[in-house]
Amino acid sequence: MLKIIYLGTPDFAVPCLEALINESDFQVLAVVAQPDRPKGRGNKLMPPPTKVLAQAHGIPVLQPEKLAKAPDVVQAMRELKPDILAMVAFGQILKKEVLTLAPMGVVNVHGSLLPKLRGAAPINWSIINGDTVTGVTTMFTELGVDTGPMLLKAEIPIHSQMTAEELSREMSQVGAALLVKTLKGLVNGEVEAVRQNDAEATFAPILTKEMGKLDFNKSAQALHNLVRGLSPWPSTYTTFRKKGLKVLKCTPAANGERLQPGTLVQDGTRLLVACGDGCQRLELLVVQPESRSAMEVKAFLAGAREAIISGEEQLG
């Protein structure tokens, strides 16, 4: 029986935890997650998704604000005598005392094909970069950020309209199966660690709201990738008639006559933006005007107080 302490917090970490709970050869001793956070209009404290699942199965939950500054929690983990720690989207960097707590170390599920896209937001950056294939890597966690030895990998195709949210859901399911396979392989000796080639490493830094500002001097494809990659957070935005306008869904369209990037072109119920070299077009599909709900472009055009002056009005 492999005794496991699980470290993970958001929805992405739920399928992996569920897979471990459902394995008869595994025993999840405890779940370590971020503290409950206020959510919604009432700012009511809400438990993280992994806590909800753990409590439904009678598994103890530990919720340190900072594990590195919670020696009592680390001691409680140590007293459980786990064989291994499994970590998925925990959201905190582990110190040496946690990394060495279990004899088999810490196995992490990372959302890229390492050493590509080390860092906080690999799922988003794989789409922003225009990748057509990404994947999941299981690895041993070390003191460096995603630098530890790799265990197993699974590839995932990225289709042309896939958003970061959609890719995250698929990756969480693939990651769950890969984590189970990895842990079983470590137990029976069929999985061996392989060092990463640091020379091939690329990085996926944390996302910021400022990244979402659309620059229509870029190509239509690059903007489409950015919109998909920053969905649902922080999302992308521009301005229309001096008010904020979020672009939630779009697609590259056929080229047209040369116009200044950012220029709007209305074609019936379609709304396109000139970008790149001025000939390229990005078709807006779903937008969210300032202080209003998200809507399809057809509704946006119908609700405009004044007609869009095709080829003259600008975004941004």
Foldseek 3Di string as FASTA:
>chain_A
DAEEAEAAFAPLQVLQVVLQVPDPVYDHQEYEAAAFWQDDPVRDTDGTPNVVVCVVVPHHYHHDNAPVPCVVVLVVVLVSAGQEYEYEHNPYQDDPSNQVSHPVGYKYKDWFDPPEAFEDQSLLVCLLVPHQKTWIWIFGDDNDGPQGFTWDIDMDGDDLFAASVNSSVVRSNVSNVVVVVRVVCVVVVNIDTHGGDVVPHDHDYDDDLVLQEDDQQAALSSNQSNLRSQPPPPFHWWDFPNWIKTQNHKAWDAWADAAPFFFWADDPLWIWTQGHRRRTIIIGAWMATPPGDIDGSSVVQVPDPDHRPGRPGGID
